[in-house]
Amino acid sequence: MPRPLGELEDAVMSRVWKWNRPVTVREVLEDLQKERSIAYTTVMTVLDNLHQKGWVRREAEGRAYRYEAVSTRAAYAAALMNDAWSQSDNPAAALVAFFGMMSEEQRQALSDAVRIVQGPETQEPTEPSESARPPEQPERAEPAERAEPAEGMEGRTPAAEGHTPAEAGEGSPQNPASAQDRDGR
């Protein structure tokens, strides 16, 4: 988990993220000097520290380096939120409290993000057209005993994964029960 950036580290990384290209110490220095008095060696040290911490990569260019962000500001913010949430003794309550602090605009952004993550197959089900329906499968007798699903596979069936049993194939890893049914065990 990333440690939160310090104030000067954040000021430097903000520029690296905003410019979204390899930058020199001089470019960052000149932009920072619009807000504060700061030495070249200070900016160079901060960028070197950010490199050592894995926030930026660098390539030599003559006697200097060009620095480029390893990840995005969004990924950094997500990692900070995830760390804070995972350290809670009651993650559900922490989420409820967090959602309660959000503006309407932030809640809408969250709703949009959830829709993106879920993808089209998990949104409101609609009746498939005749051509999109899988062919009817003959009924099979239920086996006397089914094996427990592998860890992490609970509730995952070929249909839930978007496959028909024919697509998953008899005895495939996606449909382990079919080999069991066929063998009668």
N, C-alpha and C. Protein backbone atom coordinates (compact mmCIF):
# COMPACT_ATOMS: atom_id res chain seq x y z
N MET A 1 0.85 -1.18 0.00
CA MET A 1 0.00 0.00 0.00
C MET A 1 0.88 1.23 0.00
N PRO A 2 0.55 2.18 -0.83
CA PRO A 2 1.36 3.40 -0.86
C PRO A 2 1.13 4.25 0.38
N ARG A 3 2.20 4.81 0.85
CA ARG A 3 2.11 5.80 1.92
C ARG A 3 1.64 7.09 1.27
N PRO A 4 0.81 7.86 1.92
CA PRO A 4 0.39 9.13 1.31
C PRO A 4 1.61 9.99 0.98
N LEU A 5 1.54 10.67 -0.15
CA LEU A 5 2.62 11.55 -0.55
C LEU A 5 2.69 12.73 0.39
N GLY A 6 3.91 13.20 0.64
CA GLY A 6 4.09 14.43 1.40
C GLY A 6 3.65 15.63 0.57
N GLU A 7 3.61 16.80 1.19
CA GLU A 7 3.10 18.00 0.51
C GLU A 7 3.93 18.34 -0.73
N LEU A 8 5.26 18.33 -0.61
CA LEU A 8 6.10 18.65 -1.76
C LEU A 8 6.09 17.52 -2.79
N GLU A 9 6.08 16.28 -2.32
CA GLU A 9 5.97 15.15 -3.25
C GLU A 9 4.68 15.25 -4.06
N ASP A 10 3.59 15.61 -3.40
CA ASP A 10 2.31 15.74 -4.09
C ASP A 10 2.35 16.89 -5.10
N ALA A 11 2.99 18.00 -4.74
CA ALA A 11 3.09 19.13 -5.67
C ALA A 11 3.88 18.72 -6.92
N VAL A 12 4.94 17.95 -6.74
CA VAL A 12 5.74 17.49 -7.87
C VAL A 12 4.95 16.48 -8.70
N MET A 13 4.38 15.46 -8.02
CA MET A 13 3.62 14.44 -8.75
C MET A 13 2.41 15.03 -9.45
N SER A 14 1.79 16.05 -8.89
CA SER A 14 0.64 16.69 -9.54
C SER A 14 1.03 17.19 -10.92
N ARG A 15 2.21 17.76 -11.03
CA ARG A 15 2.68 18.25 -12.32
C ARG A 15 3.00 17.09 -13.27
N VAL A 16 3.66 16.07 -12.74
CA VAL A 16 4.01 14.92 -13.58
C VAL A 16 2.72 14.28 -14.12
N TRP A 17 1.71 14.10 -13.25
CA TRP A 17 0.44 13.52 -13.68
C TRP A 17 -0.29 14.43 -14.68
N LYS A 18 -0.31 15.73 -14.37
CA LYS A 18 -1.04 16.68 -15.22
C LYS A 18 -0.43 16.76 -16.62
N TRP A 19 0.89 16.81 -16.70
CA TRP A 19 1.55 16.95 -17.99
C TRP A 19 1.55 15.63 -18.77
N ASN A 20 1.49 14.51 -18.07
CA ASN A 20 1.35 13.19 -18.69
C ASN A 20 2.39 12.93 -19.79
N ARG A 21 3.64 13.26 -19.47
CA ARG A 21 4.76 13.05 -20.38
C ARG A 21 6.03 13.06 -19.54
N PRO A 22 7.13 12.58 -20.09
CA PRO A 22 8.39 12.67 -19.35
C PRO A 22 8.78 14.14 -19.11
N VAL A 23 9.20 14.45 -17.89
CA VAL A 23 9.53 15.83 -17.50
C VAL A 23 10.94 15.89 -16.93
N THR A 24 11.51 17.09 -17.00
CA THR A 24 12.83 17.31 -16.42
C THR A 24 12.67 18.01 -15.07
N VAL A 25 13.74 17.96 -14.29
CA VAL A 25 13.76 18.68 -13.01
C VAL A 25 13.53 20.16 -13.28
N ARG A 26 14.18 20.70 -14.31
CA ARG A 26 14.07 22.12 -14.63
C ARG A 26 12.62 22.52 -14.91
N GLU A 27 11.87 21.72 -15.68
CA GLU A 27 10.46 22.03 -15.98
C GLU A 27 9.62 22.08 -14.71
N VAL A 28 9.82 21.09 -13.85
CA VAL A 28 9.06 21.06 -12.60
C VAL A 28 9.44 22.25 -11.72
N LEU A 29 10.74 22.53 -11.64
CA LEU A 29 11.24 23.65 -10.85
C LEU A 29 10.60 24.96 -11.30
N GLU A 30 10.64 25.22 -12.59
CA GLU A 30 10.11 26.49 -13.11
C GLU A 30 8.62 26.64 -12.81
N ASP A 31 7.88 25.55 -12.89
CA ASP A 31 6.45 25.63 -12.59
C ASP A 31 6.21 25.82 -11.09
N LEU A 32 6.98 25.12 -10.26
CA LEU A 32 6.83 25.27 -8.80
C LEU A 32 7.22 26.67 -8.34
N GLN A 33 8.19 27.28 -9.01
CA GLN A 33 8.65 28.62 -8.61
C GLN A 33 7.59 29.69 -8.82
N LYS A 34 6.55 29.39 -9.56
CA LYS A 34 5.43 30.33 -9.72
C LYS A 34 4.65 30.45 -8.41
N GLU A 35 4.75 29.41 -7.55
CA GLU A 35 4.00 29.37 -6.29
C GLU A 35 4.86 29.59 -5.06
N ARG A 36 6.14 29.22 -5.15
CA ARG A 36 7.00 29.24 -3.96
C ARG A 36 8.46 29.36 -4.36
N SER A 37 9.25 29.73 -3.40
CA SER A 37 10.69 29.78 -3.61
C SER A 37 11.24 28.38 -3.32
N ILE A 38 11.93 27.81 -4.29
CA ILE A 38 12.42 26.44 -4.14
C ILE A 38 13.69 26.27 -4.98
N ALA A 39 14.63 25.49 -4.48
CA ALA A 39 15.91 25.28 -5.16
C ALA A 39 15.85 24.10 -6.12
N TYR A 40 16.68 24.17 -7.15
CA TYR A 40 16.80 23.08 -8.13
C TYR A 40 17.13 21.77 -7.43
N THR A 41 18.06 21.80 -6.50
CA THR A 41 18.49 20.58 -5.81
C THR A 41 17.37 19.97 -4.98
N THR A 42 16.47 20.79 -4.48
CA THR A 42 15.33 20.27 -3.71
C THR A 42 14.41 19.48 -4.62
N VAL A 43 14.09 20.03 -5.79
CA VAL A 43 13.22 19.34 -6.75
C VAL A 43 13.90 18.07 -7.24
N MET A 44 15.22 18.15 -7.49
CA MET A 44 15.96 16.98 -7.94
C MET A 44 15.91 15.88 -6.87
N THR A 45 16.07 16.26 -5.61
CA THR A 45 16.01 15.27 -4.52
C THR A 45 14.63 14.66 -4.41
N VAL A 46 13.59 15.48 -4.53
CA VAL A 46 12.22 14.97 -4.44
C VAL A 46 11.96 13.98 -5.57
N LEU A 47 12.35 14.32 -6.79
CA LEU A 47 12.14 13.40 -7.91
C LEU A 47 12.97 12.13 -7.75
N ASP A 48 14.18 12.24 -7.22
CA ASP A 48 14.98 11.05 -6.96
C ASP A 48 14.31 10.17 -5.91
N ASN A 49 13.79 10.80 -4.85
CA ASN A 49 13.06 10.03 -3.81
C ASN A 49 11.83 9.35 -4.40
N LEU A 50 11.09 10.06 -5.25
CA LEU A 50 9.90 9.47 -5.89
C LEU A 50 10.31 8.30 -6.79
N HIS A 51 11.46 8.40 -7.42
CA HIS A 51 11.97 7.29 -8.23
C HIS A 51 12.30 6.10 -7.32
N GLN A 52 12.99 6.35 -6.20
CA GLN A 52 13.36 5.28 -5.27
C GLN A 52 12.11 4.60 -4.69
N LYS A 53 11.04 5.35 -4.51
CA LYS A 53 9.80 4.81 -3.96
C LYS A 53 8.93 4.13 -5.03
N GLY A 54 9.32 4.25 -6.29
CA GLY A 54 8.58 3.60 -7.36
C GLY A 54 7.44 4.41 -7.95
N TRP A 55 7.37 5.69 -7.67
CA TRP A 55 6.30 6.53 -8.21
C TRP A 55 6.60 6.99 -9.63
N VAL A 56 7.89 7.17 -9.95
CA VAL A 56 8.29 7.60 -11.29
C VAL A 56 9.41 6.70 -11.79
N ARG A 57 9.50 6.60 -13.11
CA ARG A 57 10.66 5.95 -13.73
C ARG A 57 11.44 7.08 -14.40
N ARG A 58 12.72 6.82 -14.64
CA ARG A 58 13.52 7.87 -15.25
C ARG A 58 14.43 7.31 -16.33
N GLU A 59 14.71 8.17 -17.30
CA GLU A 59 15.63 7.83 -18.38
C GLU A 59 16.65 8.95 -18.49
N ALA A 60 17.90 8.56 -18.64
CA ALA A 60 18.95 9.55 -18.79
C ALA A 60 18.81 10.26 -20.12
N GLU A 61 19.02 11.55 -20.07
CA GLU A 61 19.03 12.39 -21.28
C GLU A 61 20.19 13.36 -21.11
N GLY A 62 21.31 13.03 -21.72
CA GLY A 62 22.52 13.82 -21.50
C GLY A 62 22.99 13.63 -20.07
N ARG A 63 23.18 14.75 -19.36
CA ARG A 63 23.62 14.67 -17.96
C ARG A 63 22.43 14.71 -16.98
N ALA A 64 21.23 14.81 -17.50
CA ALA A 64 20.04 14.90 -16.64
C ALA A 64 19.13 13.68 -16.88
N TYR A 65 18.03 13.67 -16.16
CA TYR A 65 17.03 12.61 -16.32
C TYR A 65 15.71 13.22 -16.75
N ARG A 66 14.91 12.41 -17.44
CA ARG A 66 13.50 12.72 -17.68
C ARG A 66 12.71 11.74 -16.84
N TYR A 67 11.73 12.25 -16.09
CA TYR A 67 10.92 11.45 -15.17
C TYR A 67 9.51 11.31 -15.72
N GLU A 68 8.94 10.12 -15.53
CA GLU A 68 7.59 9.84 -16.01
C GLU A 68 6.85 9.05 -14.93
N ALA A 69 5.57 9.36 -14.73
CA ALA A 69 4.76 8.66 -13.72
C ALA A 69 4.62 7.18 -14.07
N VAL A 70 4.66 6.35 -13.04
CA VAL A 70 4.48 4.91 -13.22
C VAL A 70 3.00 4.56 -13.28
N SER A 71 2.18 5.29 -12.51
CA SER A 71 0.73 5.06 -12.53
C SER A 71 0.02 6.40 -12.51
N THR A 72 -1.29 6.36 -12.54
CA THR A 72 -2.10 7.59 -12.60
C THR A 72 -2.47 8.10 -11.21
N ARG A 73 -2.90 9.34 -11.17
CA ARG A 73 -3.40 9.90 -9.91
C ARG A 73 -4.62 9.11 -9.45
N ALA A 74 -5.46 8.68 -10.39
CA ALA A 74 -6.65 7.91 -10.04
C ALA A 74 -6.26 6.59 -9.36
N ALA A 75 -5.23 5.93 -9.87
CA ALA A 75 -4.77 4.67 -9.25
C ALA A 75 -4.22 4.94 -7.86
N TYR A 76 -3.51 6.04 -7.69
CA TYR A 76 -2.99 6.44 -6.37
C TYR A 76 -4.14 6.67 -5.39
N ALA A 77 -5.14 7.44 -5.81
CA ALA A 77 -6.29 7.73 -4.95
C ALA A 77 -7.03 6.44 -4.60
N ALA A 78 -7.20 5.56 -5.58
CA ALA A 78 -7.89 4.28 -5.33
C ALA A 78 -7.13 3.44 -4.32
N ALA A 79 -5.81 3.41 -4.42
CA ALA A 79 -5.01 2.63 -3.47
C ALA A 79 -5.12 3.19 -2.06
N LEU A 80 -5.14 4.52 -1.94
CA LEU A 80 -5.31 5.13 -0.61
C LEU A 80 -6.68 4.79 -0.02
N MET A 81 -7.73 4.88 -0.86
CA MET A 81 -9.08 4.56 -0.37
C MET A 81 -9.17 3.09 0.03
N ASN A 82 -8.60 2.21 -0.78
CA ASN A 82 -8.64 0.79 -0.48
C ASN A 82 -7.93 0.48 0.83
N ASP A 83 -6.78 1.11 1.04
CA ASP A 83 -6.03 0.88 2.27
C ASP A 83 -6.83 1.35 3.49
N ALA A 84 -7.40 2.54 3.40
CA ALA A 84 -8.19 3.07 4.52
C ALA A 84 -9.38 2.16 4.81
N TRP A 85 -10.04 1.70 3.77
CA TRP A 85 -11.21 0.84 3.93
C TRP A 85 -10.82 -0.51 4.52
N SER A 86 -9.73 -1.09 4.04
CA SER A 86 -9.33 -2.41 4.52
C SER A 86 -8.84 -2.40 5.96
N GLN A 87 -8.46 -1.24 6.47
CA GLN A 87 -8.01 -1.16 7.86
C GLN A 87 -9.16 -0.97 8.84
N SER A 88 -10.38 -0.81 8.34
CA SER A 88 -11.54 -0.63 9.21
C SER A 88 -11.92 -1.96 9.85
N ASP A 89 -12.35 -1.90 11.12
CA ASP A 89 -12.82 -3.12 11.77
C ASP A 89 -14.25 -3.44 11.35
N ASN A 90 -14.92 -2.51 10.65
CA ASN A 90 -16.26 -2.74 10.15
C ASN A 90 -16.35 -2.10 8.75
N PRO A 91 -15.88 -2.82 7.72
CA PRO A 91 -15.84 -2.22 6.38
C PRO A 91 -17.19 -1.74 5.87
N ALA A 92 -18.27 -2.46 6.17
CA ALA A 92 -19.59 -2.03 5.70
C ALA A 92 -19.96 -0.69 6.32
N ALA A 93 -19.73 -0.53 7.62
CA ALA A 93 -20.04 0.74 8.28
C ALA A 93 -19.16 1.86 7.73
N ALA A 94 -17.91 1.55 7.43
CA ALA A 94 -17.01 2.55 6.86
C ALA A 94 -17.52 3.02 5.50
N LEU A 95 -18.01 2.08 4.69
CA LEU A 95 -18.55 2.46 3.38
C LEU A 95 -19.81 3.32 3.53
N VAL A 96 -20.68 2.94 4.46
CA VAL A 96 -21.91 3.72 4.68
C VAL A 96 -21.54 5.14 5.11
N ALA A 97 -20.58 5.26 6.02
CA ALA A 97 -20.16 6.59 6.46
C ALA A 97 -19.53 7.38 5.30
N PHE A 98 -18.73 6.69 4.50
CA PHE A 98 -18.09 7.34 3.35
C PHE A 98 -19.15 7.83 2.36
N PHE A 99 -20.12 6.97 2.04
CA PHE A 99 -21.19 7.36 1.11
C PHE A 99 -21.98 8.54 1.66
N GLY A 100 -22.17 8.57 2.99
CA GLY A 100 -22.89 9.67 3.62
C GLY A 100 -22.18 11.01 3.48
N MET A 101 -20.87 10.98 3.32
CA MET A 101 -20.08 12.21 3.16
C MET A 101 -20.08 12.72 1.72
N MET A 102 -20.52 11.89 0.78
CA MET A 102 -20.43 12.23 -0.63
C MET A 102 -21.49 13.24 -1.05
N SER A 103 -21.11 14.09 -1.98
CA SER A 103 -22.08 15.01 -2.59
C SER A 103 -22.91 14.21 -3.59
N GLU A 104 -23.98 14.80 -4.07
CA GLU A 104 -24.81 14.14 -5.08
C GLU A 104 -23.98 13.85 -6.33
N GLU A 105 -23.13 14.78 -6.70
CA GLU A 105 -22.27 14.60 -7.87
C GLU A 105 -21.32 13.41 -7.67
N GLN A 106 -20.76 13.28 -6.48
CA GLN A 106 -19.87 12.16 -6.19
C GLN A 106 -20.62 10.83 -6.20
N ARG A 107 -21.85 10.83 -5.65
CA ARG A 107 -22.64 9.60 -5.67
C ARG A 107 -22.98 9.19 -7.10
N GLN A 108 -23.24 10.16 -7.97
CA GLN A 108 -23.52 9.86 -9.37
C GLN A 108 -22.28 9.29 -10.05
N ALA A 109 -21.11 9.86 -9.73
CA ALA A 109 -19.85 9.35 -10.29
C ALA A 109 -19.62 7.91 -9.82
N LEU A 110 -19.93 7.63 -8.56
CA LEU A 110 -19.80 6.27 -8.03
C LEU A 110 -20.75 5.32 -8.75
N SER A 111 -21.97 5.75 -8.93
CA SER A 111 -22.96 4.93 -9.63
C SER A 111 -22.50 4.63 -11.06
N ASP A 112 -21.96 5.64 -11.73
CA ASP A 112 -21.44 5.45 -13.09
C ASP A 112 -20.28 4.46 -13.08
N ALA A 113 -19.40 4.57 -12.10
CA ALA A 113 -18.24 3.67 -12.00
C ALA A 113 -18.69 2.23 -11.77
N VAL A 114 -19.69 2.03 -10.92
CA VAL A 114 -20.19 0.68 -10.66
C VAL A 114 -20.76 0.08 -11.94
N ARG A 115 -21.50 0.88 -12.70
CA ARG A 115 -22.04 0.39 -13.98
C ARG A 115 -20.92 -0.02 -14.93
N ILE A 116 -19.85 0.75 -14.97
CA ILE A 116 -18.72 0.43 -15.85
C ILE A 116 -18.06 -0.87 -15.41
N VAL A 117 -17.84 -1.02 -14.12
CA VAL A 117 -17.18 -2.22 -13.59
C VAL A 117 -18.04 -3.45 -13.81
N GLN A 118 -19.34 -3.33 -13.60
CA GLN A 118 -20.23 -4.47 -13.76
C GLN A 118 -20.35 -4.90 -15.20
N GLY A 119 -20.24 -3.99 -16.12
CA GLY A 119 -20.34 -4.33 -17.54
C GLY A 119 -21.77 -4.56 -17.96
N PRO A 120 -21.98 -4.71 -19.26
CA PRO A 120 -23.34 -4.82 -19.79
C PRO A 120 -24.04 -6.11 -19.39
N GLU A 121 -23.30 -7.20 -19.15
CA GLU A 121 -23.98 -8.47 -18.85
C GLU A 121 -24.61 -8.51 -17.46
N THR A 122 -24.24 -7.58 -16.57
CA THR A 122 -24.82 -7.62 -15.23
C THR A 122 -25.86 -6.53 -15.02
N GLN A 123 -26.14 -5.74 -16.04
CA GLN A 123 -27.15 -4.71 -15.89
C GLN A 123 -28.53 -5.33 -16.06
N GLU A 124 -29.55 -4.52 -15.94
CA GLU A 124 -30.92 -4.99 -15.99
C GLU A 124 -31.13 -6.03 -17.08
N PRO A 125 -31.61 -7.22 -16.70
CA PRO A 125 -31.82 -8.25 -17.72
C PRO A 125 -32.97 -7.87 -18.65
N THR A 126 -32.77 -8.17 -19.91
CA THR A 126 -33.84 -7.96 -20.87
C THR A 126 -34.12 -9.31 -21.52
N GLU A 127 -35.28 -9.46 -22.05
CA GLU A 127 -35.68 -10.71 -22.69
C GLU A 127 -34.88 -10.87 -23.96
N PRO A 128 -34.08 -11.95 -24.10
CA PRO A 128 -33.30 -12.12 -25.32
C PRO A 128 -34.22 -12.43 -26.50
N SER A 129 -33.74 -12.02 -27.68
CA SER A 129 -34.51 -12.32 -28.88
C SER A 129 -34.44 -13.82 -29.14
N GLU A 130 -35.31 -14.31 -30.00
CA GLU A 130 -35.35 -15.74 -30.32
C GLU A 130 -34.00 -16.24 -30.79
N SER A 131 -33.32 -15.45 -31.65
CA SER A 131 -32.04 -15.90 -32.20
C SER A 131 -30.93 -15.90 -31.15
N ALA A 132 -31.10 -15.12 -30.08
CA ALA A 132 -30.07 -15.05 -29.05
C ALA A 132 -30.25 -16.10 -27.96
N ARG A 133 -31.39 -16.77 -27.95
CA ARG A 133 -31.65 -17.78 -26.91
C ARG A 133 -30.88 -19.05 -27.20
N PRO A 134 -30.31 -19.68 -26.16
CA PRO A 134 -29.63 -20.96 -26.39
C PRO A 134 -30.66 -22.03 -26.70
N PRO A 135 -30.26 -23.06 -27.44
CA PRO A 135 -31.21 -24.13 -27.76
C PRO A 135 -31.64 -24.85 -26.48
N GLU A 136 -32.84 -25.38 -26.52
CA GLU A 136 -33.35 -26.12 -25.36
C GLU A 136 -32.48 -27.34 -25.12
N GLN A 137 -32.15 -27.60 -23.87
CA GLN A 137 -31.35 -28.75 -23.50
C GLN A 137 -32.27 -29.83 -22.94
N PRO A 138 -32.03 -31.09 -23.31
CA PRO A 138 -32.87 -32.16 -22.73
C PRO A 138 -32.61 -32.23 -21.24
N GLU A 139 -33.68 -32.56 -20.51
CA GLU A 139 -33.54 -32.66 -19.05
C GLU A 139 -32.75 -33.90 -18.70
N ARG A 140 -31.93 -33.76 -17.66
CA ARG A 140 -31.16 -34.90 -17.15
C ARG A 140 -31.59 -35.15 -15.73
N ALA A 141 -31.49 -36.38 -15.33
CA ALA A 141 -31.80 -36.71 -13.94
C ALA A 141 -30.73 -36.08 -13.06
N GLU A 142 -31.16 -35.57 -11.92
CA GLU A 142 -30.22 -34.99 -10.97
C GLU A 142 -29.37 -36.08 -10.36
N PRO A 143 -28.07 -35.88 -10.26
CA PRO A 143 -27.23 -36.87 -9.59
C PRO A 143 -27.56 -36.92 -8.11
N ALA A 144 -27.28 -38.04 -7.48
CA ALA A 144 -27.58 -38.21 -6.07
C ALA A 144 -26.77 -37.24 -5.22
N GLU A 145 -25.54 -36.97 -5.62
CA GLU A 145 -24.70 -36.09 -4.80
C GLU A 145 -23.80 -35.29 -5.72
N ARG A 146 -23.70 -33.99 -5.48
CA ARG A 146 -22.83 -33.13 -6.29
C ARG A 146 -21.61 -32.75 -5.47
N ALA A 147 -20.49 -32.62 -6.16
CA ALA A 147 -19.27 -32.17 -5.49
C ALA A 147 -19.41 -30.70 -5.16
N GLU A 148 -18.74 -30.26 -4.10
CA GLU A 148 -18.73 -28.85 -3.73
C GLU A 148 -17.91 -28.10 -4.77
N PRO A 149 -18.31 -26.88 -5.13
CA PRO A 149 -17.52 -26.11 -6.10
C PRO A 149 -16.16 -25.75 -5.53
N ALA A 150 -15.20 -25.58 -6.40
CA ALA A 150 -13.87 -25.17 -5.97
C ALA A 150 -13.97 -23.79 -5.34
N GLU A 151 -13.02 -23.48 -4.44
CA GLU A 151 -13.03 -22.20 -3.76
C GLU A 151 -13.03 -21.07 -4.79
N GLY A 152 -13.88 -20.08 -4.59
CA GLY A 152 -14.01 -18.97 -5.51
C GLY A 152 -14.93 -19.24 -6.68
N MET A 153 -15.43 -20.46 -6.80
CA MET A 153 -16.30 -20.81 -7.92
C MET A 153 -17.76 -20.93 -7.49
N GLU A 154 -18.07 -20.67 -6.20
CA GLU A 154 -19.44 -20.79 -5.73
C GLU A 154 -20.34 -19.90 -6.57
N GLY A 155 -21.44 -20.44 -7.01
CA GLY A 155 -22.42 -19.68 -7.78
C GLY A 155 -22.01 -19.43 -9.21
N ARG A 156 -20.86 -19.91 -9.62
CA ARG A 156 -20.40 -19.71 -10.99
C ARG A 156 -20.76 -20.94 -11.80
N THR A 157 -21.65 -20.76 -12.70
CA THR A 157 -22.05 -21.84 -13.60
C THR A 157 -21.76 -21.38 -15.01
N PRO A 158 -21.76 -22.30 -15.95
CA PRO A 158 -21.54 -21.85 -17.33
C PRO A 158 -22.54 -20.77 -17.73
N ALA A 159 -23.80 -20.91 -17.30
CA ALA A 159 -24.81 -19.90 -17.65
C ALA A 159 -24.46 -18.57 -17.00
N ALA A 160 -24.01 -18.60 -15.73
CA ALA A 160 -23.64 -17.37 -15.04
C ALA A 160 -22.43 -16.73 -15.69
N GLU A 161 -21.57 -17.52 -16.30
CA GLU A 161 -20.38 -17.02 -16.97
C GLU A 161 -20.69 -16.60 -18.41
N GLY A 162 -21.94 -16.72 -18.82
CA GLY A 162 -22.33 -16.32 -20.16
C GLY A 162 -22.16 -17.44 -21.18
N HIS A 163 -22.03 -18.70 -20.71
CA HIS A 163 -21.85 -19.83 -21.62
C HIS A 163 -23.02 -20.79 -21.46
N THR A 164 -23.40 -21.43 -22.55
CA THR A 164 -24.36 -22.52 -22.44
C THR A 164 -23.57 -23.77 -22.09
N PRO A 165 -24.20 -24.82 -21.55
CA PRO A 165 -23.46 -26.04 -21.25
C PRO A 165 -22.72 -26.58 -22.46
N ALA A 166 -23.28 -26.45 -23.65
CA ALA A 166 -22.61 -26.95 -24.85
C ALA A 166 -21.33 -26.17 -25.12
N GLU A 167 -21.36 -24.83 -24.86
CA GLU A 167 -20.15 -24.02 -25.06
C GLU A 167 -19.09 -24.38 -24.05
N ALA A 168 -19.50 -24.64 -22.80
CA ALA A 168 -18.55 -24.95 -21.75
C ALA A 168 -17.93 -26.31 -21.98
N GLY A 169 -18.67 -27.23 -22.59
CA GLY A 169 -18.13 -28.56 -22.92
C GLY A 169 -18.25 -29.50 -21.75
N GLU A 170 -18.56 -30.75 -22.06
CA GLU A 170 -18.68 -31.77 -21.03
C GLU A 170 -17.35 -31.93 -20.32
N GLY A 171 -17.36 -31.85 -19.01
CA GLY A 171 -16.19 -32.10 -18.20
C GLY A 171 -15.14 -31.01 -18.27
N SER A 172 -15.49 -29.85 -18.80
CA SER A 172 -14.51 -28.77 -18.87
C SER A 172 -14.35 -28.16 -17.49
N PRO A 173 -13.27 -27.40 -17.25
CA PRO A 173 -13.10 -26.75 -15.95
C PRO A 173 -14.25 -25.80 -15.63
N GLN A 174 -14.91 -25.26 -16.67
CA GLN A 174 -16.02 -24.36 -16.42
C GLN A 174 -17.28 -25.12 -16.04
N ASN A 175 -17.34 -26.41 -16.31
CA ASN A 175 -18.54 -27.18 -16.03
C ASN A 175 -18.12 -28.54 -15.48
N PRO A 176 -17.48 -28.58 -14.28
CA PRO A 176 -16.98 -29.84 -13.75
C PRO A 176 -18.09 -30.84 -13.45
N ALA A 177 -19.30 -30.38 -13.19
CA ALA A 177 -20.38 -31.30 -12.83
C ALA A 177 -20.80 -32.17 -14.00
N SER A 178 -20.57 -31.70 -15.26
CA SER A 178 -21.04 -32.48 -16.40
C SER A 178 -20.31 -33.82 -16.50
N ALA A 179 -19.02 -33.87 -16.21
CA ALA A 179 -18.30 -35.15 -16.23
C ALA A 179 -18.81 -36.04 -15.10
N GLN A 180 -19.11 -35.44 -14.00
CA GLN A 180 -19.63 -36.18 -12.85
C GLN A 180 -20.99 -36.78 -13.20
N ASP A 181 -21.84 -35.96 -13.85
CA ASP A 181 -23.17 -36.45 -14.22
C ASP A 181 -23.04 -37.62 -15.20
N ARG A 182 -22.15 -37.49 -16.20
CA ARG A 182 -21.98 -38.49 -17.22
C ARG A 182 -21.48 -39.80 -16.61
N ASP A 183 -20.55 -39.72 -15.64
CA ASP A 183 -19.99 -40.92 -15.02
C ASP A 183 -20.91 -41.47 -13.93
N GLY A 184 -21.93 -40.71 -13.55
CA GLY A 184 -22.87 -41.18 -12.52
C GLY A 184 -22.29 -41.13 -11.12
N ARG A 185 -21.24 -40.38 -10.92
CA ARG A 185 -20.67 -40.25 -9.56
C ARG A 185 -20.98 -38.92 -8.97
